[in-house]
Amino acid sequence: MMKAQRCPRGFDPEHPEIEWIKLKTFFVSRKLTVKEFSSRNLASSLAEDFRQLLRLNELLQKAVNGSW
């Protein structure tokens, strides 16, 4: 994982999400078992995963826009 050594310019080093802000790249994945993949709950499980990705995306968008 590539991570900046210091806090990026303009960001509060005490920000509760500073470790996320220091990250230089993001790759999100999740392994599914055959049972999970063929489950009737697959859609709801994936929907929850995407809700979590939206949280990450919102954090990144705030960082890009400087709207902390």
PDB file of N, CA and C in Angstrom:
ATOM      1  N   MET A   1       0.849  -1.162   0.000  1.00  0.00           N
ATOM      2  CA  MET A   1       0.000   0.000   0.000  1.00  0.00           C
ATOM      3  C   MET A   1       0.902   1.234   0.000  1.00  0.00           C
ATOM      4  N   MET A   2       0.652   2.133  -0.921  1.00  0.00           N
ATOM      5  CA  MET A   2       1.427   3.372  -0.997  1.00  0.00           C
ATOM      6  C   MET A   2       0.762   4.425  -0.117  1.00  0.00           C
ATOM      7  N   LYS A   3       1.573   5.023   0.744  1.00  0.00           N
ATOM      8  CA  LYS A   3       1.040   5.977   1.706  1.00  0.00           C
ATOM      9  C   LYS A   3       2.034   7.118   1.884  1.00  0.00           C
ATOM     10  N   ALA A   4       1.531   8.340   1.917  1.00  0.00           N
ATOM     11  CA  ALA A   4       2.385   9.501   2.150  1.00  0.00           C
ATOM     12  C   ALA A   4       2.962   9.439   3.558  1.00  0.00           C
ATOM     13  N   GLN A   5       4.185   9.886   3.697  1.00  0.00           N
ATOM     14  CA  GLN A   5       4.834   9.897   5.011  1.00  0.00           C
ATOM     15  C   GLN A   5       4.265  10.994   5.902  1.00  0.00           C
ATOM     16  N   ARG A   6       3.942  12.129   5.272  1.00  0.00           N
ATOM     17  CA  ARG A   6       3.438  13.272   6.030  1.00  0.00           C
ATOM     18  C   ARG A   6       2.025  13.622   5.576  1.00  0.00           C
ATOM     19  N   CYS A   7       1.391  14.411   6.381  1.00  0.00           N
ATOM     20  CA  CYS A   7       0.057  14.911   6.075  1.00  0.00           C
ATOM     21  C   CYS A   7       0.133  15.818   4.847  1.00  0.00           C
ATOM     22  N   PRO A   8      -0.759  15.657   3.868  1.00  0.00           N
ATOM     23  CA  PRO A   8      -0.747  16.546   2.703  1.00  0.00           C
ATOM     24  C   PRO A   8      -0.980  18.003   3.118  1.00  0.00           C
ATOM     25  N   ARG A   9      -0.374  18.903   2.372  1.00  0.00           N
ATOM     26  CA  ARG A   9      -0.503  20.330   2.652  1.00  0.00           C
ATOM     27  C   ARG A   9      -1.972  20.736   2.686  1.00  0.00           C
ATOM     28  N   GLY A  10      -2.339  21.508   3.688  1.00  0.00           N
ATOM     29  CA  GLY A  10      -3.700  22.010   3.801  1.00  0.00           C
ATOM     30  C   GLY A  10      -4.628  21.132   4.627  1.00  0.00           C
ATOM     31  N   PHE A  11      -4.142  19.972   5.059  1.00  0.00           N
ATOM     32  CA  PHE A  11      -4.969  19.074   5.854  1.00  0.00           C
ATOM     33  C   PHE A  11      -4.524  19.093   7.305  1.00  0.00           C
ATOM     34  N   ASP A  12      -5.487  19.000   8.185  1.00  0.00           N
ATOM     35  CA  ASP A  12      -5.229  18.968   9.621  1.00  0.00           C
ATOM     36  C   ASP A  12      -4.625  17.615   9.996  1.00  0.00           C
ATOM     37  N   PRO A  13      -3.413  17.597  10.554  1.00  0.00           N
ATOM     38  CA  PRO A  13      -2.799  16.319  10.928  1.00  0.00           C
ATOM     39  C   PRO A  13      -3.598  15.556  11.988  1.00  0.00           C
ATOM     40  N   GLU A  14      -4.481  16.239  12.684  1.00  0.00           N
ATOM     41  CA  GLU A  14      -5.303  15.596  13.714  1.00  0.00           C
ATOM     42  C   GLU A  14      -6.666  15.161  13.191  1.00  0.00           C
ATOM     43  N   HIS A  15      -6.895  15.307  11.890  1.00  0.00           N
ATOM     44  CA  HIS A  15      -8.182  14.918  11.318  1.00  0.00           C
ATOM     45  C   HIS A  15      -8.427  13.435  11.586  1.00  0.00           C
ATOM     46  N   PRO A  16      -9.648  13.048  11.983  1.00  0.00           N
ATOM     47  CA  PRO A  16      -9.910  11.640  12.318  1.00  0.00           C
ATOM     48  C   PRO A  16      -9.710  10.673  11.146  1.00  0.00           C
ATOM     49  N   GLU A  17      -9.716  11.158   9.924  1.00  0.00           N
ATOM     50  CA  GLU A  17      -9.538  10.296   8.744  1.00  0.00           C
ATOM     51  C   GLU A  17      -8.190  10.517   8.064  1.00  0.00           C
ATOM     52  N   ILE A  18      -7.213  11.070   8.785  1.00  0.00           N
ATOM     53  CA  ILE A  18      -5.935  11.433   8.174  1.00  0.00           C
ATOM     54  C   ILE A  18      -5.207  10.232   7.576  1.00  0.00           C
ATOM     55  N   GLU A  19      -5.349   9.060   8.156  1.00  0.00           N
ATOM     56  CA  GLU A  19      -4.671   7.881   7.595  1.00  0.00           C
ATOM     57  C   GLU A  19      -5.248   7.528   6.221  1.00  0.00           C
ATOM     58  N   TRP A  20      -6.531   7.745   6.014  1.00  0.00           N
ATOM     59  CA  TRP A  20      -7.144   7.540   4.689  1.00  0.00           C
ATOM     60  C   TRP A  20      -6.620   8.597   3.721  1.00  0.00           C
ATOM     61  N   ILE A  21      -6.511   9.821   4.205  1.00  0.00           N
ATOM     62  CA  ILE A  21      -6.081  10.930   3.353  1.00  0.00           C
ATOM     63  C   ILE A  21      -4.651  10.715   2.864  1.00  0.00           C
ATOM     64  N   LYS A  22      -3.816  10.103   3.684  1.00  0.00           N
ATOM     65  CA  LYS A  22      -2.426   9.861   3.318  1.00  0.00           C
ATOM     66  C   LYS A  22      -2.273   8.790   2.242  1.00  0.00           C
ATOM     67  N   LEU A  23      -3.275   7.969   2.053  1.00  0.00           N
ATOM     68  CA  LEU A  23      -3.172   6.906   1.055  1.00  0.00           C
ATOM     69  C   LEU A  23      -3.081   7.492  -0.349  1.00  0.00           C
ATOM     70  N   LYS A  24      -2.233   6.899  -1.173  1.00  0.00           N
ATOM     71  CA  LYS A  24      -2.034   7.395  -2.533  1.00  0.00           C
ATOM     72  C   LYS A  24      -2.859   6.632  -3.555  1.00  0.00           C
ATOM     73  N   THR A  25      -3.204   5.407  -3.265  1.00  0.00           N
ATOM     74  CA  THR A  25      -4.007   4.601  -4.176  1.00  0.00           C
ATOM     75  C   THR A  25      -5.034   3.810  -3.376  1.00  0.00           C
ATOM     76  N   PHE A  26      -6.095   3.440  -4.052  1.00  0.00           N
ATOM     77  CA  PHE A  26      -7.146   2.641  -3.421  1.00  0.00           C
ATOM     78  C   PHE A  26      -7.520   1.491  -4.345  1.00  0.00           C
ATOM     79  N   PHE A  27      -7.592   0.318  -3.787  1.00  0.00           N
ATOM     80  CA  PHE A  27      -8.067  -0.857  -4.504  1.00  0.00           C
ATOM     81  C   PHE A  27      -8.986  -1.589  -3.548  1.00  0.00           C
ATOM     82  N   VAL A  28     -10.194  -1.777  -3.953  1.00  0.00           N
ATOM     83  CA  VAL A  28     -11.176  -2.413  -3.077  1.00  0.00           C
ATOM     84  C   VAL A  28     -11.607  -3.729  -3.705  1.00  0.00           C
ATOM     85  N   SER A  29     -11.540  -4.786  -2.917  1.00  0.00           N
ATOM     86  CA  SER A  29     -11.999  -6.086  -3.400  1.00  0.00           C
ATOM     87  C   SER A  29     -12.563  -6.882  -2.225  1.00  0.00           C
ATOM     88  N   ARG A  30     -13.269  -7.907  -2.581  1.00  0.00           N
ATOM     89  CA  ARG A  30     -13.830  -8.786  -1.555  1.00  0.00           C
ATOM     90  C   ARG A  30     -13.951 -10.176  -2.151  1.00  0.00           C
ATOM     91  N   LYS A  31     -13.435 -11.160  -1.453  1.00  0.00           N
ATOM     92  CA  LYS A  31     -13.556 -12.537  -1.917  1.00  0.00           C
ATOM     93  C   LYS A  31     -14.913 -13.075  -1.509  1.00  0.00           C
ATOM     94  N   LEU A  32     -15.521 -13.815  -2.413  1.00  0.00           N
ATOM     95  CA  LEU A  32     -16.792 -14.473  -2.133  1.00  0.00           C
ATOM     96  C   LEU A  32     -16.597 -15.977  -2.229  1.00  0.00           C
ATOM     97  N   THR A  33     -17.172 -16.679  -1.305  1.00  0.00           N
ATOM     98  CA  THR A  33     -17.168 -18.140  -1.407  1.00  0.00           C
ATOM     99  C   THR A  33     -18.220 -18.534  -2.440  1.00  0.00           C
ATOM    100  N   VAL A  34     -18.168 -19.764  -2.885  1.00  0.00           N
ATOM    101  CA  VAL A  34     -19.174 -20.263  -3.822  1.00  0.00           C
ATOM    102  C   VAL A  34     -20.551 -20.185  -3.173  1.00  0.00           C
ATOM    103  N   LYS A  35     -20.607 -20.497  -1.894  1.00  0.00           N
ATOM    104  CA  LYS A  35     -21.877 -20.441  -1.167  1.00  0.00           C
ATOM    105  C   LYS A  35     -22.429 -19.013  -1.147  1.00  0.00           C
ATOM    106  N   GLU A  36     -21.568 -18.033  -0.858  1.00  0.00           N
ATOM    107  CA  GLU A  36     -22.009 -16.630  -0.850  1.00  0.00           C
ATOM    108  C   GLU A  36     -22.461 -16.192  -2.242  1.00  0.00           C
ATOM    109  N   PHE A  37     -21.689 -16.591  -3.262  1.00  0.00           N
ATOM    110  CA  PHE A  37     -21.992 -16.185  -4.629  1.00  0.00           C
ATOM    111  C   PHE A  37     -23.323 -16.740  -5.114  1.00  0.00           C
ATOM    112  N   SER A  38     -23.657 -17.925  -4.670  1.00  0.00           N
ATOM    113  CA  SER A  38     -24.900 -18.555  -5.132  1.00  0.00           C
ATOM    114  C   SER A  38     -26.058 -18.359  -4.153  1.00  0.00           C
ATOM    115  N   SER A  39     -25.834 -17.563  -3.124  1.00  0.00           N
ATOM    116  CA  SER A  39     -26.861 -17.316  -2.113  1.00  0.00           C
ATOM    117  C   SER A  39     -27.950 -16.381  -2.631  1.00  0.00           C
ATOM    118  N   ARG A  40     -29.139 -16.523  -2.080  1.00  0.00           N
ATOM    119  CA  ARG A  40     -30.239 -15.599  -2.398  1.00  0.00           C
ATOM    120  C   ARG A  40     -29.957 -14.197  -1.858  1.00  0.00           C
ATOM    121  N   ASN A  41     -29.034 -14.106  -0.906  1.00  0.00           N
ATOM    122  CA  ASN A  41     -28.704 -12.824  -0.287  1.00  0.00           C
ATOM    123  C   ASN A  41     -27.557 -12.097  -0.985  1.00  0.00           C
ATOM    124  N   LEU A  42     -27.119 -12.600  -2.128  1.00  0.00           N
ATOM    125  CA  LEU A  42     -25.988 -11.986  -2.815  1.00  0.00           C
ATOM    126  C   LEU A  42     -26.250 -10.509  -3.126  1.00  0.00           C
ATOM    127  N   ALA A  43     -27.403 -10.199  -3.665  1.00  0.00           N
ATOM    128  CA  ALA A  43     -27.694  -8.813  -4.045  1.00  0.00           C
ATOM    129  C   ALA A  43     -27.657  -7.882  -2.836  1.00  0.00           C
ATOM    130  N   SER A  44     -28.259  -8.271  -1.736  1.00  0.00           N
ATOM    131  CA  SER A  44     -28.260  -7.405  -0.563  1.00  0.00           C
ATOM    132  C   SER A  44     -26.858  -7.297   0.039  1.00  0.00           C
ATOM    133  N   SER A  45     -26.095  -8.362  -0.022  1.00  0.00           N
ATOM    134  CA  SER A  45     -24.725  -8.332   0.474  1.00  0.00           C
ATOM    135  C   SER A  45     -23.863  -7.384  -0.370  1.00  0.00           C
ATOM    136  N   LEU A  46     -24.015  -7.462  -1.688  1.00  0.00           N
ATOM    137  CA  LEU A  46     -23.258  -6.567  -2.565  1.00  0.00           C
ATOM    138  C   LEU A  46     -23.719  -5.123  -2.404  1.00  0.00           C
ATOM    139  N   ALA A  47     -25.002  -4.920  -2.179  1.00  0.00           N
ATOM    140  CA  ALA A  47     -25.518  -3.567  -1.955  1.00  0.00           C
ATOM    141  C   ALA A  47     -24.876  -2.953  -0.715  1.00  0.00           C
ATOM    142  N   GLU A  48     -24.712  -3.725   0.329  1.00  0.00           N
ATOM    143  CA  GLU A  48     -24.050  -3.225   1.538  1.00  0.00           C
ATOM    144  C   GLU A  48     -22.583  -2.897   1.254  1.00  0.00           C
ATOM    145  N   ASP A  49     -21.922  -3.740   0.481  1.00  0.00           N
ATOM    146  CA  ASP A  49     -20.532  -3.454   0.102  1.00  0.00           C
ATOM    147  C   ASP A  49     -20.444  -2.127  -0.647  1.00  0.00           C
ATOM    148  N   PHE A  50     -21.364  -1.891  -1.559  1.00  0.00           N
ATOM    149  CA  PHE A  50     -21.340  -0.655  -2.327  1.00  0.00           C
ATOM    150  C   PHE A  50     -21.679   0.556  -1.462  1.00  0.00           C
ATOM    151  N   ARG A  51     -22.513   0.384  -0.448  1.00  0.00           N
ATOM    152  CA  ARG A  51     -22.764   1.488   0.487  1.00  0.00           C
ATOM    153  C   ARG A  51     -21.469   1.895   1.187  1.00  0.00           C
ATOM    154  N   GLN A  52     -20.672   0.906   1.544  1.00  0.00           N
ATOM    155  CA  GLN A  52     -19.388   1.207   2.178  1.00  0.00           C
ATOM    156  C   GLN A  52     -18.440   1.901   1.194  1.00  0.00           C
ATOM    157  N   LEU A  53     -18.468   1.488  -0.069  1.00  0.00           N
ATOM    158  CA  LEU A  53     -17.644   2.155  -1.075  1.00  0.00           C
ATOM    159  C   LEU A  53     -18.085   3.601  -1.282  1.00  0.00           C
ATOM    160  N   LEU A  54     -19.370   3.844  -1.176  1.00  0.00           N
ATOM    161  CA  LEU A  54     -19.866   5.214  -1.295  1.00  0.00           C
ATOM    162  C   LEU A  54     -19.323   6.089  -0.166  1.00  0.00           C
ATOM    163  N   ARG A  55     -19.205   5.537   1.015  1.00  0.00           N
ATOM    164  CA  ARG A  55     -18.621   6.284   2.136  1.00  0.00           C
ATOM    165  C   ARG A  55     -17.180   6.691   1.805  1.00  0.00           C
ATOM    166  N   LEU A  56     -16.411   5.757   1.247  1.00  0.00           N
ATOM    167  CA  LEU A  56     -15.043   6.050   0.850  1.00  0.00           C
ATOM    168  C   LEU A  56     -15.028   7.118  -0.238  1.00  0.00           C
ATOM    169  N   ASN A  57     -15.902   6.979  -1.214  1.00  0.00           N
ATOM    170  CA  ASN A  57     -15.964   7.945  -2.307  1.00  0.00           C
ATOM    171  C   ASN A  57     -16.310   9.344  -1.792  1.00  0.00           C
ATOM    172  N   GLU A  58     -17.234   9.433  -0.846  1.00  0.00           N
ATOM    173  CA  GLU A  58     -17.604  10.729  -0.275  1.00  0.00           C
ATOM    174  C   GLU A  58     -16.422  11.365   0.448  1.00  0.00           C
ATOM    175  N   LEU A  59     -15.671  10.568   1.181  1.00  0.00           N
ATOM    176  CA  LEU A  59     -14.488  11.073   1.861  1.00  0.00           C
ATOM    177  C   LEU A  59     -13.487  11.609   0.846  1.00  0.00           C
ATOM    178  N   LEU A  60     -13.252  10.857  -0.211  1.00  0.00           N
ATOM    179  CA  LEU A  60     -12.313  11.298  -1.239  1.00  0.00           C
ATOM    180  C   LEU A  60     -12.800  12.564  -1.930  1.00  0.00           C
ATOM    181  N   GLN A  61     -14.091  12.646  -2.195  1.00  0.00           N
ATOM    182  CA  GLN A  61     -14.643  13.835  -2.837  1.00  0.00           C
ATOM    183  C   GLN A  61     -14.475  15.065  -1.957  1.00  0.00           C
ATOM    184  N   LYS A  62     -14.699  14.914  -0.667  1.00  0.00           N
ATOM    185  CA  LYS A  62     -14.500  16.025   0.258  1.00  0.00           C
ATOM    186  C   LYS A  62     -13.036  16.458   0.262  1.00  0.00           C
ATOM    187  N   ALA A  63     -12.138  15.496   0.208  1.00  0.00           N
ATOM    188  CA  ALA A  63     -10.715  15.830   0.194  1.00  0.00           C
ATOM    189  C   ALA A  63     -10.354  16.590  -1.072  1.00  0.00           C
ATOM    190  N   VAL A  64     -10.871  16.154  -2.202  1.00  0.00           N
ATOM    191  CA  VAL A  64     -10.569  16.820  -3.468  1.00  0.00           C
ATOM    192  C   VAL A  64     -11.144  18.235  -3.482  1.00  0.00           C
ATOM    193  N   ASN A  65     -12.356  18.391  -2.974  1.00  0.00           N
ATOM    194  CA  ASN A  65     -13.002  19.695  -2.976  1.00  0.00           C
ATOM    195  C   ASN A  65     -12.525  20.606  -1.850  1.00  0.00           C
ATOM    196  N   GLY A  66     -11.804  20.038  -0.889  1.00  0.00           N
ATOM    197  CA  GLY A  66     -11.342  20.828   0.241  1.00  0.00           C
ATOM    198  C   GLY A  66     -12.474  21.230   1.168  1.00  0.00           C
ATOM    199  N   SER A  67     -13.544  20.466   1.188  1.00  0.00           N
ATOM    200  CA  SER A  67     -14.720  20.820   2.010  1.00  0.00           C
ATOM    201  C   SER A  67     -14.793  19.984   3.278  1.00  0.00           C
ATOM    202  N   TRP A  68     -13.770  20.118   4.111  1.00  0.00           N
ATOM    203  CA  TRP A  68     -13.779  19.406   5.391  1.00  0.00           C
ATOM    204  C   TRP A  68     -14.652  20.133   6.320  1.00  0.00           C
TER     205      TRP A  68
END
